[in-house]
């Protein structure tokens, strides 16, 4: 006695078995995330756009330094803090009664971090804000340029604003930071050139 073979059903949750040999695949996309960036016409920079670990601000001390010593740039959905990193050298930092030599940050380019307050929502909302910001940074981060530490503080409107607007705000912030730091460096060079040389005399 023979049994009629039954069609094998797929155990994958994205597949749905229908009559005959037809099968429907369902994919789910989250608006405003990385796949939404492509659909909305947000093109990455030339080459492989990335946000590597060495371009991220990770230590608490680095965040605190940006907040205490840095400047601010305001936009509709975020506040961006930035601090120009000095050239790699050895600085003396007091520790108790002694002093020890420490190295200043030596990496070039922008290092970027995010601070998302609990006041902005629950864990789901905060994580979505971070995903949107990371993707916007990945698409717009300058590959080289001014050396600075940047901290982005989103506002609650970041959850509802179109992702294209988020990308534009982040990109604009990077442009402003580079312009401000370039101007600051020019002023410092001009100030250095006006200093009298050692051993020079004035009548």
Protein backbone atom coordinates (compact mmCIF):
# COMPACT_ATOMS: atom_id res chain seq x y z
CA UNK A 1 0.00 0.00 0.00
CA UNK A 2 1.46 3.26 -1.09
CA UNK A 3 1.03 6.61 0.61
CA UNK A 4 0.68 9.78 -1.35
CA UNK A 5 3.70 11.99 -0.80
CA UNK A 6 2.83 15.21 0.99
CA UNK A 7 4.53 18.45 -0.07
CA UNK A 8 7.32 19.46 2.30
CA UNK A 9 6.61 22.69 4.16
CA UNK A 10 9.40 25.11 4.88
CA UNK A 11 10.19 25.78 8.52
CA UNK A 12 11.56 29.26 7.72
CA UNK A 13 9.24 31.97 9.10
CA UNK A 14 9.63 34.04 5.95
CA UNK A 15 8.12 31.36 3.74
CA UNK A 16 4.45 30.54 3.37
CA UNK A 17 3.36 27.32 1.62
CA UNK A 18 0.52 27.64 -0.85
CA UNK A 19 -1.29 25.18 -3.16
CA UNK A 20 0.80 23.52 -5.82
CA UNK A 21 4.48 24.37 -5.99
CA UNK A 22 4.10 28.10 -5.42
CA UNK A 23 5.80 29.69 -2.48
CA UNK A 24 5.69 33.33 -1.33
CA UNK A 25 8.66 35.03 0.31
CA UNK A 26 7.95 37.91 2.68
CA UNK A 27 10.62 40.37 3.77
CA UNK A 28 10.19 43.08 6.37
CA UNK A 29 12.04 46.39 6.27
CA UNK A 30 12.14 49.06 8.94
CA UNK A 31 11.58 52.57 7.54
CA UNK A 32 14.35 55.00 8.29
CA UNK A 33 17.09 52.43 8.82
CA UNK A 34 19.96 51.37 6.58
CA UNK A 35 17.76 49.74 3.93
CA UNK A 36 15.50 52.77 4.03
CA UNK A 37 18.48 54.96 3.26
CA UNK A 38 18.89 53.33 -0.13
CA UNK A 39 15.20 53.51 -0.94
CA UNK A 40 15.09 57.20 -0.11
CA UNK A 41 17.95 57.99 -2.46
CA UNK A 42 20.69 58.44 0.14
CA UNK A 43 23.82 57.39 -1.68
CA UNK A 44 26.98 56.48 0.27
CA UNK A 45 30.32 58.10 -0.41
CA UNK A 46 32.55 56.68 -3.08
CA UNK A 47 34.19 53.42 -2.06
CA UNK A 48 33.06 51.31 0.84
CA UNK A 49 31.45 53.63 3.38
CA UNK A 50 32.18 52.43 6.88
CA UNK A 51 32.16 53.43 10.51
CA UNK A 52 35.14 51.48 11.92
CA UNK A 53 35.92 51.11 15.60
CA UNK A 54 38.91 53.47 15.46
CA UNK A 55 36.54 56.21 14.26
CA UNK A 56 34.27 55.82 17.28
CA UNK A 57 34.41 57.60 20.61
CA UNK A 58 34.24 54.90 23.28
CA UNK A 59 35.81 56.02 26.57
CA UNK A 60 33.85 57.96 29.19
CA UNK A 61 36.80 60.31 29.70
CA UNK A 62 36.73 61.26 26.00
CA UNK A 63 33.02 62.10 26.19
CA UNK A 64 33.58 64.23 29.30
CA UNK A 65 36.43 66.13 27.64
CA UNK A 66 34.25 66.98 24.63
CA UNK A 67 31.46 68.25 26.87
CA UNK A 68 33.77 70.34 29.06
CA UNK A 69 36.19 71.74 26.48
CA UNK A 70 34.32 71.53 23.20
CA UNK A 71 31.96 73.70 21.21
CA UNK A 72 28.39 73.09 20.08
CA UNK A 73 26.48 73.00 16.83
CA UNK A 74 22.68 73.00 16.92
CA UNK A 75 20.23 71.59 14.38
CA UNK A 76 16.57 70.57 14.32
CA UNK A 77 16.98 66.98 15.52
CA UNK A 78 20.29 66.98 17.38
CA UNK A 79 22.98 68.91 19.22
CA UNK A 80 26.54 68.16 18.16
CA UNK A 81 29.49 68.76 20.50
CA UNK A 82 33.02 68.80 19.10
CA UNK A 83 36.53 69.29 20.43
CA UNK A 84 39.66 69.66 18.25
CA UNK A 85 42.24 67.07 19.23
CA UNK A 86 45.80 68.37 19.59
CA UNK A 87 48.65 66.90 17.62
CA UNK A 88 50.20 63.74 19.04
CA UNK A 89 52.61 64.77 21.75
CA UNK A 90 53.35 64.12 25.37
CA UNK A 91 51.55 66.19 27.94
CA UNK A 92 52.13 66.35 31.66
CA UNK A 93 49.13 65.42 33.72
CA UNK A 94 49.26 65.79 37.53
CA UNK A 95 48.34 62.71 39.51
CA UNK A 96 48.34 63.38 43.27
CA UNK A 97 51.66 64.81 44.34
CA UNK A 98 53.42 63.45 41.27
CA UNK A 99 53.10 64.01 37.56
CA UNK A 100 53.27 61.50 34.77
CA UNK A 101 53.59 61.83 31.01
CA UNK A 102 50.56 60.84 28.98
CA UNK A 103 50.09 60.73 25.25
CA UNK A 104 47.44 62.91 23.63
CA UNK A 105 45.09 61.17 21.18
CA UNK A 106 47.01 60.55 17.97
CA UNK A 107 44.34 59.30 15.57
CA UNK A 108 43.54 61.55 12.61
CA UNK A 109 40.08 62.48 11.38
CA UNK A 110 36.84 62.56 13.31
CA UNK A 111 36.04 60.22 16.20
CA UNK A 112 32.29 60.11 16.82
CA UNK A 113 30.15 59.00 19.73
CA UNK A 114 26.48 59.20 20.71
CA UNK A 115 24.74 60.04 23.96
CA UNK A 116 21.05 59.10 24.05
CA UNK A 117 19.37 60.09 27.31
CA UNK A 118 16.78 57.86 28.97
CA UNK A 119 14.48 60.86 28.97
CA UNK A 120 14.08 60.36 25.20
CA UNK A 121 12.27 57.03 25.57
CA UNK A 122 12.62 53.36 26.39
CA UNK A 123 15.34 51.00 25.24
CA UNK A 124 13.61 50.33 21.90
CA UNK A 125 13.35 54.03 21.04
CA UNK A 126 16.90 54.79 22.17
CA UNK A 127 18.35 51.90 20.19
CA UNK A 128 16.51 53.03 17.07
CA UNK A 129 17.95 56.53 17.50
CA UNK A 130 21.45 55.06 17.73
CA UNK A 131 20.90 52.92 14.63
CA UNK A 132 19.72 55.92 12.64
CA UNK A 133 22.66 58.04 13.79
CA UNK A 134 25.21 55.30 13.10
CA UNK A 135 23.86 54.81 9.60
CA UNK A 136 23.83 58.56 8.92
CA UNK A 137 27.42 58.81 10.15
CA UNK A 138 28.44 55.82 8.05
CA UNK A 139 27.04 57.48 4.93
CA UNK A 140 28.48 60.96 5.53
CA UNK A 141 31.63 60.65 7.68
CA UNK A 142 34.56 62.44 6.03
CA UNK A 143 37.29 59.89 5.26
CA UNK A 144 39.96 62.42 6.28
CA UNK A 145 40.27 65.98 7.40
CA UNK A 146 40.23 67.79 10.72
CA UNK A 147 41.11 65.79 13.82
CA UNK A 148 38.34 66.19 16.35
CA UNK A 149 36.20 64.28 18.81
CA UNK A 150 32.45 64.59 18.19
CA UNK A 151 29.48 63.66 20.39
CA UNK A 152 25.97 63.71 18.92
CA UNK A 153 23.02 64.19 21.27
CA UNK A 154 19.73 63.47 19.48
CA UNK A 155 16.41 65.09 20.24
CA UNK A 156 13.14 63.17 20.42
CA UNK A 157 12.17 64.37 16.94
CA UNK A 158 14.91 62.12 15.52
CA UNK A 159 12.48 59.21 15.82
CA UNK A 160 9.88 60.70 13.49
CA UNK A 161 11.82 62.88 11.07
CA UNK A 162 12.52 61.48 7.60
CA UNK A 163 15.85 59.64 7.45
CA UNK A 164 17.02 61.83 4.58
CA UNK A 165 16.74 64.82 6.92
CA UNK A 166 18.83 63.00 9.53
CA UNK A 167 21.56 62.33 6.96
CA UNK A 168 21.50 65.97 5.85
CA UNK A 169 21.76 67.24 9.43
CA UNK A 170 24.71 64.98 10.23
CA UNK A 171 26.45 65.88 6.98
CA UNK A 172 25.90 69.59 7.62
CA UNK A 173 27.31 69.23 11.14
CA UNK A 174 30.50 67.64 9.76
CA UNK A 175 30.88 70.46 7.22
CA UNK A 176 30.44 73.13 9.91
CA UNK A 177 32.93 71.39 12.21
CA UNK A 178 35.57 71.21 9.48
CA UNK A 179 35.02 74.88 8.57
CA UNK A 180 35.23 76.02 12.21
CA UNK A 181 38.34 73.99 12.92
CA UNK A 182 40.05 75.15 9.74
CA UNK A 183 39.36 78.76 10.75
CA UNK A 184 40.68 78.06 14.25
CA UNK A 185 43.87 76.56 12.86
CA UNK A 186 44.41 79.58 10.60
CA UNK A 187 44.02 81.93 13.55
CA UNK A 188 46.51 79.90 15.57
CA UNK A 189 49.05 79.93 12.74
CA UNK A 190 48.61 83.69 12.35
CA UNK A 191 49.10 84.17 16.07
CA UNK A 192 52.27 82.06 16.02
CA UNK A 193 53.68 84.04 13.10
CA UNK A 194 53.23 87.31 15.00
CA UNK A 195 55.25 86.09 18.01
CA UNK A 196 58.79 87.50 18.16
CA UNK A 197 61.57 85.06 17.54
CA UNK A 198 63.78 84.04 20.45
CA UNK A 199 66.70 86.44 20.93
CA UNK A 200 65.21 89.21 18.82
CA UNK A 201 65.46 92.81 20.08
CA UNK A 202 63.08 95.70 19.78
CA UNK A 203 64.35 99.24 19.67
